[in-house]
């Protein structure tokens, strides 16, 4: 859902080149992910009734970074980052099993690799090739890991090793998927990275 909204928003604005459009999609996706991960939980639980500007945030229970903040919000942030660490592996296994199932379904539940129900070569290629590689969403996820870790890591030091493992897992899974699963990505120029 988030991907679709970000793509629609950037496409609606319109940019002259594909690289600029993907760069802006990366930025919008990152800002939305970072706000959702790092600030939304903080704002929902905030009690700013003692501050000069409360912005209407007076219903929360956390007025400061104390032990209850770390028990409630800190544990949620650590859980979110652990999920971010494990999700690339789950996603890769899910897409791989889905591809195997659709191929098996296309063959009519036989193991013969030369049997297919596709009537054209393009339909066969579309069915048996991998998914499209969305590099801009991977960049946004990587930036989210780094920024959440740098925002809260000095108060919650366990985020640093979690981020290191998450970045390593993301690198290994994406490298493997690029070689064995995804379609050939377009030739992006150096401006995107």
N, C-alpha and C. Protein backbone atom coordinates (compact mmCIF):
# COMPACT_ATOMS: atom_id res chain seq x y z
N UNK A 1 0.81 -1.19 0.00
CA UNK A 1 0.00 0.00 0.00
C UNK A 1 0.86 1.26 0.00
N UNK A 2 1.88 1.27 0.88
CA UNK A 2 2.77 2.42 0.96
C UNK A 2 3.49 2.64 -0.37
N UNK A 3 3.95 1.55 -0.96
CA UNK A 3 4.65 1.66 -2.24
C UNK A 3 3.76 2.27 -3.30
N UNK A 4 2.53 1.81 -3.36
CA UNK A 4 1.60 2.30 -4.37
C UNK A 4 1.30 3.78 -4.18
N UNK A 5 1.08 4.20 -2.94
CA UNK A 5 0.79 5.60 -2.68
C UNK A 5 1.98 6.48 -3.04
N UNK A 6 3.18 6.06 -2.67
CA UNK A 6 4.38 6.84 -2.99
C UNK A 6 4.59 6.94 -4.50
N UNK A 7 4.41 5.84 -5.21
CA UNK A 7 4.58 5.86 -6.67
C UNK A 7 3.54 6.76 -7.31
N UNK A 8 2.28 6.66 -6.86
CA UNK A 8 1.23 7.50 -7.42
C UNK A 8 1.48 8.98 -7.15
N UNK A 9 1.94 9.31 -5.95
CA UNK A 9 2.22 10.69 -5.61
C UNK A 9 3.34 11.26 -6.48
N UNK A 10 4.42 10.52 -6.62
CA UNK A 10 5.56 11.01 -7.40
C UNK A 10 5.21 11.04 -8.89
N UNK A 11 4.45 10.06 -9.36
CA UNK A 11 4.03 10.06 -10.76
C UNK A 11 3.09 11.23 -11.05
N UNK A 12 2.22 11.56 -10.11
CA UNK A 12 1.31 12.67 -10.28
C UNK A 12 2.07 14.00 -10.37
N UNK A 13 3.14 14.15 -9.57
CA UNK A 13 3.96 15.36 -9.63
C UNK A 13 4.66 15.43 -10.98
N UNK A 14 5.25 14.33 -11.41
CA UNK A 14 5.89 14.26 -12.72
C UNK A 14 7.32 14.79 -12.69
N UNK A 15 8.24 14.01 -13.22
CA UNK A 15 9.64 14.40 -13.32
C UNK A 15 10.13 14.05 -14.72
N UNK A 16 11.10 14.81 -15.24
CA UNK A 16 11.49 14.62 -16.64
C UNK A 16 12.25 13.33 -16.92
N UNK A 17 12.96 12.79 -15.94
CA UNK A 17 13.73 11.56 -16.18
C UNK A 17 13.32 10.48 -15.20
N UNK A 18 13.59 9.25 -15.59
CA UNK A 18 13.28 8.09 -14.73
C UNK A 18 14.11 8.14 -13.45
N UNK A 19 15.36 8.57 -13.55
CA UNK A 19 16.23 8.64 -12.37
C UNK A 19 15.71 9.64 -11.36
N UNK A 20 15.26 10.81 -11.82
CA UNK A 20 14.71 11.79 -10.90
C UNK A 20 13.43 11.27 -10.25
N UNK A 21 12.62 10.58 -11.01
CA UNK A 21 11.38 10.04 -10.47
C UNK A 21 11.68 8.98 -9.41
N UNK A 22 12.65 8.10 -9.67
CA UNK A 22 13.01 7.08 -8.68
C UNK A 22 13.66 7.69 -7.45
N UNK A 23 14.46 8.75 -7.65
CA UNK A 23 15.06 9.44 -6.51
C UNK A 23 13.99 10.05 -5.61
N UNK A 24 13.02 10.69 -6.21
CA UNK A 24 11.95 11.29 -5.42
C UNK A 24 11.07 10.22 -4.77
N UNK A 25 10.85 9.11 -5.44
CA UNK A 25 10.10 8.01 -4.84
C UNK A 25 10.85 7.46 -3.64
N UNK A 26 12.17 7.35 -3.74
CA UNK A 26 12.99 6.91 -2.61
C UNK A 26 12.85 7.87 -1.44
N UNK A 27 12.93 9.16 -1.71
CA UNK A 27 12.83 10.15 -0.64
C UNK A 27 11.46 10.11 0.04
N UNK A 28 10.41 10.10 -0.75
CA UNK A 28 9.05 10.09 -0.18
C UNK A 28 8.83 8.82 0.63
N UNK A 29 9.24 7.69 0.10
CA UNK A 29 9.07 6.42 0.82
C UNK A 29 9.86 6.42 2.12
N UNK A 30 11.10 6.94 2.07
CA UNK A 30 11.90 7.00 3.29
C UNK A 30 11.26 7.91 4.33
N UNK A 31 10.81 9.10 3.93
CA UNK A 31 10.22 10.02 4.90
C UNK A 31 8.97 9.41 5.55
N UNK A 32 8.16 8.73 4.76
CA UNK A 32 6.95 8.11 5.31
C UNK A 32 7.33 6.96 6.25
N UNK A 33 8.27 6.11 5.85
CA UNK A 33 8.70 5.01 6.71
C UNK A 33 9.33 5.52 8.00
N UNK A 34 10.18 6.52 7.88
CA UNK A 34 10.87 7.05 9.06
C UNK A 34 9.86 7.71 10.02
N UNK A 35 8.92 8.46 9.48
CA UNK A 35 7.89 9.06 10.34
C UNK A 35 7.08 7.98 11.03
N UNK A 36 6.71 6.95 10.28
CA UNK A 36 5.91 5.87 10.83
C UNK A 36 6.67 5.09 11.89
N UNK A 37 7.96 4.85 11.66
CA UNK A 37 8.74 4.04 12.59
C UNK A 37 9.23 4.84 13.78
N UNK A 38 9.77 6.03 13.55
CA UNK A 38 10.48 6.74 14.60
C UNK A 38 9.63 7.77 15.35
N UNK A 39 8.70 8.42 14.68
CA UNK A 39 8.01 9.53 15.32
C UNK A 39 6.55 9.27 15.66
N UNK A 40 5.87 8.48 14.90
CA UNK A 40 4.45 8.28 15.15
C UNK A 40 4.21 7.63 16.51
N UNK A 41 4.98 6.61 16.84
CA UNK A 41 4.86 5.96 18.14
C UNK A 41 5.19 6.93 19.26
N UNK A 42 6.18 7.77 19.03
CA UNK A 42 6.57 8.77 20.02
C UNK A 42 5.45 9.80 20.23
N UNK A 43 4.83 10.25 19.15
CA UNK A 43 3.77 11.26 19.25
C UNK A 43 2.50 10.70 19.87
N UNK A 44 2.17 9.46 19.56
CA UNK A 44 0.94 8.88 20.10
C UNK A 44 1.03 8.71 21.61
N UNK A 45 2.20 8.40 22.12
CA UNK A 45 2.37 8.16 23.55
C UNK A 45 2.86 9.39 24.31
N UNK A 46 2.98 10.54 23.65
CA UNK A 46 3.54 11.73 24.29
C UNK A 46 2.50 12.45 25.15
N UNK A 47 2.98 12.94 26.29
CA UNK A 47 2.18 13.83 27.14
C UNK A 47 2.94 15.14 27.22
N UNK A 48 2.53 16.09 26.42
CA UNK A 48 3.21 17.38 26.37
C UNK A 48 2.45 18.46 27.13
N UNK A 49 1.68 18.07 28.13
CA UNK A 49 0.86 19.04 28.86
C UNK A 49 1.70 20.05 29.63
N UNK A 50 2.93 19.72 30.00
CA UNK A 50 3.79 20.63 30.74
C UNK A 50 4.64 21.51 29.83
N UNK A 51 4.54 21.31 28.53
CA UNK A 51 5.33 22.08 27.57
C UNK A 51 4.58 23.34 27.15
N UNK A 52 5.30 24.36 26.69
CA UNK A 52 4.59 25.58 26.26
C UNK A 52 3.71 25.35 25.03
N UNK A 53 4.10 24.45 24.15
CA UNK A 53 3.28 24.12 22.98
C UNK A 53 2.98 22.63 23.04
N UNK A 54 1.74 22.29 23.27
CA UNK A 54 1.39 20.88 23.43
C UNK A 54 0.91 20.24 22.14
N UNK A 55 0.51 21.07 21.16
CA UNK A 55 0.01 20.59 19.87
C UNK A 55 -1.14 19.59 20.04
N UNK A 56 -1.83 19.65 21.15
CA UNK A 56 -2.94 18.74 21.39
C UNK A 56 -2.52 17.36 21.86
N UNK A 57 -1.24 17.17 22.13
CA UNK A 57 -0.73 15.86 22.55
C UNK A 57 -0.65 15.81 24.07
N UNK A 58 -1.78 15.64 24.69
CA UNK A 58 -1.81 15.59 26.16
C UNK A 58 -2.43 14.29 26.67
N UNK A 59 -2.77 13.39 25.80
CA UNK A 59 -3.44 12.16 26.22
C UNK A 59 -2.50 11.00 26.46
N UNK A 60 -1.22 11.15 26.13
CA UNK A 60 -0.28 10.05 26.30
C UNK A 60 0.19 9.91 27.73
N UNK A 61 0.93 8.86 27.99
CA UNK A 61 1.42 8.59 29.34
C UNK A 61 2.89 8.95 29.52
N UNK A 62 3.61 9.21 28.44
CA UNK A 62 5.05 9.42 28.53
C UNK A 62 5.38 10.90 28.38
N UNK A 63 5.87 11.50 29.47
CA UNK A 63 6.23 12.92 29.41
C UNK A 63 7.73 13.12 29.30
N UNK A 64 8.52 12.05 29.47
CA UNK A 64 9.96 12.19 29.41
C UNK A 64 10.57 10.84 29.05
N UNK A 65 11.86 10.86 28.76
CA UNK A 65 12.59 9.62 28.48
C UNK A 65 13.00 9.00 29.81
N UNK A 66 12.10 8.25 30.41
CA UNK A 66 12.40 7.59 31.67
C UNK A 66 12.26 6.09 31.51
N UNK A 67 12.26 5.37 32.62
CA UNK A 67 12.23 3.91 32.53
C UNK A 67 10.95 3.39 31.90
N UNK A 68 9.82 4.05 32.13
CA UNK A 68 8.59 3.56 31.51
C UNK A 68 8.59 3.81 30.01
N UNK A 69 9.24 4.91 29.56
CA UNK A 69 9.37 5.15 28.12
C UNK A 69 10.16 4.03 27.46
N UNK A 70 11.26 3.63 28.09
CA UNK A 70 12.07 2.56 27.53
C UNK A 70 11.35 1.22 27.58
N UNK A 71 10.50 1.01 28.58
CA UNK A 71 9.74 -0.24 28.65
C UNK A 71 8.67 -0.32 27.56
N UNK A 72 8.02 0.79 27.31
CA UNK A 72 6.91 0.79 26.35
C UNK A 72 7.41 1.06 24.93
N UNK A 73 7.96 2.24 24.71
CA UNK A 73 8.33 2.66 23.37
C UNK A 73 9.65 2.04 22.94
N UNK A 74 10.60 1.95 23.85
CA UNK A 74 11.90 1.34 23.52
C UNK A 74 11.76 -0.12 23.10
N UNK A 75 10.94 -0.87 23.83
CA UNK A 75 10.73 -2.28 23.46
C UNK A 75 10.04 -2.39 22.11
N UNK A 76 9.11 -1.49 21.83
CA UNK A 76 8.43 -1.51 20.53
C UNK A 76 9.40 -1.19 19.41
N UNK A 77 10.28 -0.21 19.61
CA UNK A 77 11.28 0.13 18.60
C UNK A 77 12.24 -1.03 18.35
N UNK A 78 12.67 -1.68 19.43
CA UNK A 78 13.57 -2.84 19.27
C UNK A 78 12.85 -3.96 18.53
N UNK A 79 11.60 -4.20 18.85
CA UNK A 79 10.83 -5.23 18.14
C UNK A 79 10.66 -4.90 16.67
N UNK A 80 10.42 -3.62 16.37
CA UNK A 80 10.30 -3.20 14.98
C UNK A 80 11.60 -3.39 14.23
N UNK A 81 12.71 -3.07 14.86
CA UNK A 81 14.00 -3.23 14.19
C UNK A 81 14.36 -4.72 14.03
N UNK A 82 13.98 -5.55 14.97
CA UNK A 82 14.20 -7.00 14.82
C UNK A 82 13.36 -7.53 13.66
N UNK A 83 12.12 -7.05 13.55
CA UNK A 83 11.29 -7.45 12.41
C UNK A 83 11.92 -6.97 11.10
N UNK A 84 12.46 -5.75 11.10
CA UNK A 84 13.15 -5.23 9.91
C UNK A 84 14.37 -6.08 9.57
N UNK A 85 14.99 -6.66 10.56
CA UNK A 85 16.15 -7.51 10.35
C UNK A 85 15.75 -8.85 9.72
N UNK A 86 14.62 -9.39 10.11
CA UNK A 86 14.20 -10.71 9.66
C UNK A 86 13.36 -10.65 8.38
N UNK A 87 12.70 -9.52 8.13
CA UNK A 87 11.75 -9.43 7.02
C UNK A 87 12.35 -9.71 5.65
N UNK A 88 13.56 -9.26 5.30
CA UNK A 88 14.07 -9.59 3.96
C UNK A 88 14.17 -11.09 3.69
N UNK A 89 14.51 -11.85 4.71
CA UNK A 89 14.60 -13.31 4.54
C UNK A 89 13.20 -13.89 4.34
N UNK A 90 12.24 -13.44 5.14
CA UNK A 90 10.87 -13.92 5.00
C UNK A 90 10.31 -13.55 3.64
N UNK A 91 10.57 -12.33 3.20
CA UNK A 91 10.09 -11.87 1.90
C UNK A 91 10.68 -12.69 0.77
N UNK A 92 11.98 -12.96 0.84
CA UNK A 92 12.63 -13.75 -0.21
C UNK A 92 12.08 -15.17 -0.26
N UNK A 93 11.92 -15.78 0.90
CA UNK A 93 11.36 -17.14 0.93
C UNK A 93 9.91 -17.15 0.45
N UNK A 94 9.14 -16.13 0.80
CA UNK A 94 7.76 -16.05 0.34
C UNK A 94 7.65 -15.91 -1.17
N UNK A 95 8.46 -15.01 -1.74
CA UNK A 95 8.44 -14.83 -3.20
C UNK A 95 8.93 -16.08 -3.92
N UNK A 96 9.94 -16.73 -3.34
CA UNK A 96 10.47 -17.94 -3.96
C UNK A 96 9.42 -19.05 -3.96
N UNK A 97 8.74 -19.24 -2.84
CA UNK A 97 7.72 -20.29 -2.79
C UNK A 97 6.52 -19.95 -3.67
N UNK A 98 6.18 -18.67 -3.77
CA UNK A 98 5.09 -18.25 -4.65
C UNK A 98 5.45 -18.51 -6.11
N UNK A 99 6.69 -18.23 -6.49
CA UNK A 99 7.12 -18.50 -7.86
C UNK A 99 7.10 -19.99 -8.16
N UNK A 100 7.56 -20.80 -7.22
CA UNK A 100 7.53 -22.25 -7.42
C UNK A 100 6.10 -22.76 -7.55
N UNK A 101 5.20 -22.23 -6.74
CA UNK A 101 3.81 -22.68 -6.80
C UNK A 101 3.16 -22.29 -8.12
N UNK A 102 3.39 -21.05 -8.60
CA UNK A 102 2.78 -20.64 -9.87
C UNK A 102 3.36 -21.43 -11.04
N UNK A 103 4.62 -21.77 -10.98
CA UNK A 103 5.20 -22.60 -12.04
C UNK A 103 4.61 -24.01 -11.99
N UNK A 104 4.47 -24.53 -10.78
CA UNK A 104 3.89 -25.86 -10.62
C UNK A 104 2.44 -25.87 -11.09
N UNK A 105 1.71 -24.80 -10.80
CA UNK A 105 0.33 -24.66 -11.25
C UNK A 105 0.27 -24.56 -12.78
N UNK A 106 1.20 -23.85 -13.38
CA UNK A 106 1.24 -23.72 -14.84
C UNK A 106 1.52 -25.07 -15.52
N UNK A 107 2.31 -25.90 -14.89
CA UNK A 107 2.62 -27.21 -15.46
C UNK A 107 1.51 -28.22 -15.25
N UNK A 108 0.46 -27.84 -14.58
CA UNK A 108 -0.63 -28.78 -14.33
C UNK A 108 -0.28 -29.79 -13.25
N UNK A 109 0.50 -29.37 -12.26
CA UNK A 109 0.92 -30.18 -11.12
C UNK A 109 1.75 -31.38 -11.54
N UNK A 110 2.53 -31.23 -12.61
CA UNK A 110 3.49 -32.26 -13.00
C UNK A 110 4.89 -31.72 -12.77
N UNK A 111 5.84 -32.61 -12.76
CA UNK A 111 7.23 -32.18 -12.57
C UNK A 111 7.98 -32.05 -13.89
N UNK A 112 7.30 -32.27 -14.98
CA UNK A 112 7.94 -32.15 -16.30
C UNK A 112 8.16 -30.67 -16.62
N UNK A 113 9.41 -30.22 -16.78
CA UNK A 113 9.67 -28.79 -17.01
C UNK A 113 9.27 -28.32 -18.40
N UNK A 114 8.93 -29.21 -19.31
CA UNK A 114 8.60 -28.82 -20.68
C UNK A 114 7.10 -28.71 -20.93
N UNK A 115 6.29 -28.94 -19.92
CA UNK A 115 4.85 -28.83 -20.05
C UNK A 115 4.43 -27.45 -19.55
N UNK A 116 3.58 -26.78 -20.33
CA UNK A 116 3.08 -25.47 -19.93
C UNK A 116 1.70 -25.24 -20.52
N UNK A 117 0.94 -24.40 -19.87
CA UNK A 117 -0.38 -24.03 -20.38
C UNK A 117 -0.34 -22.69 -21.11
N UNK A 118 0.79 -22.04 -21.14
CA UNK A 118 0.93 -20.74 -21.80
C UNK A 118 0.88 -20.94 -23.32
N UNK A 119 0.21 -20.02 -23.99
CA UNK A 119 0.04 -20.14 -25.44
C UNK A 119 0.96 -19.22 -26.23
N UNK A 120 1.66 -18.32 -25.57
CA UNK A 120 2.61 -17.46 -26.28
C UNK A 120 3.93 -17.43 -25.53
N UNK A 121 4.95 -17.07 -26.25
CA UNK A 121 6.28 -17.02 -25.65
C UNK A 121 6.36 -15.91 -24.60
N UNK A 122 5.74 -14.77 -24.86
CA UNK A 122 5.77 -13.66 -23.90
C UNK A 122 5.04 -14.03 -22.61
N UNK A 123 3.93 -14.73 -22.72
CA UNK A 123 3.21 -15.17 -21.52
C UNK A 123 4.05 -16.16 -20.71
N UNK A 124 4.78 -17.01 -21.40
CA UNK A 124 5.67 -17.96 -20.72
C UNK A 124 6.81 -17.21 -20.02
N UNK A 125 7.41 -16.25 -20.69
CA UNK A 125 8.50 -15.47 -20.09
C UNK A 125 8.00 -14.68 -18.89
N UNK A 126 6.83 -14.06 -19.02
CA UNK A 126 6.28 -13.30 -17.89
C UNK A 126 5.97 -14.19 -16.70
N UNK A 127 5.56 -15.41 -16.97
CA UNK A 127 5.22 -16.33 -15.90
C UNK A 127 6.45 -16.90 -15.20
N UNK A 128 7.52 -17.12 -15.96
CA UNK A 128 8.69 -17.80 -15.40
C UNK A 128 9.82 -16.86 -15.02
N UNK A 129 9.74 -15.59 -15.39
CA UNK A 129 10.78 -14.67 -14.95
C UNK A 129 10.43 -14.16 -13.56
N UNK A 130 11.41 -13.61 -12.92
CA UNK A 130 11.22 -13.17 -11.54
C UNK A 130 10.51 -11.83 -11.45
N UNK A 131 10.35 -11.35 -10.23
CA UNK A 131 9.70 -10.06 -10.04
C UNK A 131 10.61 -8.91 -10.46
N UNK A 132 10.02 -7.74 -10.63
CA UNK A 132 10.77 -6.54 -10.98
C UNK A 132 11.52 -6.07 -9.74
N UNK A 133 12.74 -5.61 -9.94
CA UNK A 133 13.58 -5.15 -8.83
C UNK A 133 13.32 -3.67 -8.59
N UNK A 134 12.77 -3.35 -7.42
CA UNK A 134 12.50 -1.96 -7.05
C UNK A 134 13.62 -1.47 -6.13
N UNK A 135 14.67 -0.96 -6.72
CA UNK A 135 15.84 -0.54 -5.96
C UNK A 135 15.51 0.64 -5.04
N UNK A 136 14.63 1.51 -5.45
CA UNK A 136 14.34 2.69 -4.65
C UNK A 136 13.67 2.33 -3.32
N UNK A 137 12.88 1.26 -3.29
CA UNK A 137 12.29 0.84 -2.02
C UNK A 137 13.33 0.19 -1.11
N UNK A 138 14.31 -0.47 -1.71
CA UNK A 138 15.39 -1.06 -0.90
C UNK A 138 16.25 0.05 -0.29
N UNK A 139 16.52 1.10 -1.07
CA UNK A 139 17.25 2.25 -0.53
C UNK A 139 16.48 2.90 0.62
N UNK A 140 15.19 3.06 0.45
CA UNK A 140 14.38 3.68 1.50
C UNK A 140 14.39 2.83 2.78
N UNK A 141 14.31 1.52 2.63
CA UNK A 141 14.38 0.64 3.80
C UNK A 141 15.74 0.70 4.48
N UNK A 142 16.80 0.76 3.69
CA UNK A 142 18.14 0.87 4.25
C UNK A 142 18.32 2.19 4.99
N UNK A 143 17.87 3.28 4.39
CA UNK A 143 17.94 4.58 5.05
C UNK A 143 17.12 4.60 6.34
N UNK A 144 15.98 3.94 6.34
CA UNK A 144 15.16 3.87 7.54
C UNK A 144 15.89 3.15 8.67
N UNK A 145 16.54 2.04 8.35
CA UNK A 145 17.32 1.32 9.36
C UNK A 145 18.39 2.21 9.95
N UNK A 146 19.12 2.90 9.10
CA UNK A 146 20.22 3.75 9.56
C UNK A 146 19.71 4.92 10.38
N UNK A 147 18.68 5.60 9.91
CA UNK A 147 18.21 6.80 10.61
C UNK A 147 17.53 6.46 11.93
N UNK A 148 16.76 5.39 11.99
CA UNK A 148 16.14 5.00 13.26
C UNK A 148 17.22 4.61 14.26
N UNK A 149 18.24 3.90 13.79
CA UNK A 149 19.33 3.50 14.69
C UNK A 149 20.09 4.72 15.19
N UNK A 150 20.37 5.67 14.32
CA UNK A 150 21.10 6.86 14.75
C UNK A 150 20.24 7.79 15.61
N UNK A 151 18.94 7.76 15.44
CA UNK A 151 18.07 8.60 16.26
C UNK A 151 17.95 8.07 17.68
N UNK A 152 17.76 6.77 17.82
CA UNK A 152 17.49 6.19 19.13
C UNK A 152 18.61 5.29 19.66
N UNK A 153 19.64 5.06 18.87
CA UNK A 153 20.67 4.09 19.26
C UNK A 153 21.48 4.47 20.47
N UNK A 154 21.66 5.76 20.72
CA UNK A 154 22.46 6.15 21.87
C UNK A 154 21.71 5.99 23.18
N UNK A 155 20.40 5.95 23.11
CA UNK A 155 19.60 5.64 24.30
C UNK A 155 19.26 4.17 24.40
N UNK A 156 19.21 3.49 23.25
CA UNK A 156 18.93 2.06 23.19
C UNK A 156 20.07 1.41 22.40
N UNK A 157 21.20 1.12 23.04
CA UNK A 157 22.39 0.67 22.31
C UNK A 157 22.24 -0.67 21.59
N UNK A 158 21.24 -1.47 21.96
CA UNK A 158 21.05 -2.75 21.27
C UNK A 158 20.67 -2.53 19.81
N UNK A 159 20.22 -1.33 19.46
CA UNK A 159 19.85 -1.04 18.07
C UNK A 159 21.06 -1.10 17.13
N UNK A 160 22.26 -0.82 17.62
CA UNK A 160 23.43 -0.85 16.75
C UNK A 160 23.75 -2.25 16.23
N UNK A 161 23.84 -3.28 17.09
CA UNK A 161 24.06 -4.62 16.53
C UNK A 161 22.87 -5.13 15.72
N UNK A 162 21.65 -4.75 16.11
CA UNK A 162 20.49 -5.15 15.32
C UNK A 162 20.57 -4.54 13.93
N UNK A 163 20.95 -3.26 13.86
CA UNK A 163 21.08 -2.60 12.56
C UNK A 163 22.19 -3.22 11.73
N UNK A 164 23.29 -3.60 12.37
CA UNK A 164 24.39 -4.24 11.63
C UNK A 164 23.93 -5.57 11.03
N UNK A 165 23.21 -6.36 11.80
CA UNK A 165 22.71 -7.63 11.29
C UNK A 165 21.64 -7.39 10.22
N UNK A 166 20.78 -6.38 10.42
CA UNK A 166 19.73 -6.08 9.44
C UNK A 166 20.34 -5.65 8.11
N UNK A 167 21.36 -4.80 8.15
CA UNK A 167 22.01 -4.35 6.91
C UNK A 167 22.72 -5.51 6.24
N UNK A 168 23.37 -6.36 7.02
CA UNK A 168 24.05 -7.54 6.45
C UNK A 168 23.05 -8.50 5.82
N UNK A 169 21.95 -8.75 6.51
CA UNK A 169 20.93 -9.64 5.97
C UNK A 169 20.31 -9.06 4.71
N UNK A 170 20.05 -7.77 4.72
CA UNK A 170 19.49 -7.11 3.53
C UNK A 170 20.46 -7.21 2.36
N UNK A 171 21.74 -7.00 2.63
CA UNK A 171 22.75 -7.09 1.57
C UNK A 171 22.82 -8.50 0.99
N UNK A 172 22.91 -9.50 1.86
CA UNK A 172 23.04 -10.88 1.39
C UNK A 172 21.80 -11.36 0.64
N UNK A 173 20.63 -11.03 1.16
CA UNK A 173 19.40 -11.45 0.51
C UNK A 173 19.24 -10.75 -0.84
N UNK A 174 19.48 -9.46 -0.88
CA UNK A 174 19.31 -8.73 -2.14
C UNK A 174 20.35 -9.14 -3.17
N UNK A 175 21.56 -9.41 -2.75
CA UNK A 175 22.59 -9.87 -3.68
C UNK A 175 22.20 -11.24 -4.26
N UNK A 176 21.74 -12.13 -3.41
CA UNK A 176 21.30 -13.45 -3.87
C UNK A 176 20.09 -13.34 -4.79
N UNK A 177 19.14 -12.50 -4.41
CA UNK A 177 17.94 -12.33 -5.23
C UNK A 177 18.26 -11.68 -6.58
N UNK A 178 19.22 -10.76 -6.60
CA UNK A 178 19.60 -10.15 -7.87
C UNK A 178 20.18 -11.18 -8.83
N UNK A 179 20.94 -12.11 -8.29
CA UNK A 179 21.55 -13.15 -9.14
C UNK A 179 20.56 -14.22 -9.57
N UNK A 180 19.65 -14.59 -8.68
CA UNK A 180 18.85 -15.79 -8.93
C UNK A 180 17.35 -15.58 -9.08
N UNK A 181 16.82 -14.42 -8.73
CA UNK A 181 15.36 -14.31 -8.71
C UNK A 181 14.82 -13.15 -9.53
N UNK A 182 15.36 -11.97 -9.35
CA UNK A 182 14.78 -10.79 -9.99
C UNK A 182 15.04 -10.78 -11.49
N UNK A 183 14.20 -10.03 -12.18
CA UNK A 183 14.46 -9.75 -13.59
C UNK A 183 15.67 -8.84 -13.67
N UNK A 184 16.24 -8.74 -14.84
CA UNK A 184 17.38 -7.85 -15.03
C UNK A 184 16.93 -6.41 -14.78
N UNK A 185 17.54 -5.74 -13.79
CA UNK A 185 17.08 -4.37 -13.50
C UNK A 185 17.52 -3.41 -14.60
N UNK A 186 16.84 -2.28 -14.71
CA UNK A 186 17.25 -1.30 -15.71
C UNK A 186 18.63 -0.74 -15.37
N UNK A 187 19.28 -0.16 -16.35
CA UNK A 187 20.59 0.43 -16.15
C UNK A 187 20.41 1.84 -15.58
N UNK A 188 20.49 1.95 -14.26
CA UNK A 188 20.39 3.25 -13.61
C UNK A 188 21.75 3.93 -13.68
N UNK A 189 21.74 5.26 -13.67
CA UNK A 189 23.01 5.97 -13.62
C UNK A 189 23.42 6.18 -12.15
N UNK A 190 24.57 6.80 -11.96
CA UNK A 190 25.12 6.94 -10.61
C UNK A 190 24.37 7.96 -9.77
N UNK A 191 23.50 8.75 -10.36
CA UNK A 191 22.80 9.79 -9.59
C UNK A 191 21.81 9.19 -8.60
N UNK A 192 21.27 8.01 -8.86
CA UNK A 192 20.30 7.43 -7.94
C UNK A 192 20.96 7.02 -6.63
N UNK A 193 22.17 6.49 -6.70
CA UNK A 193 22.84 6.09 -5.46
C UNK A 193 23.64 7.23 -4.87
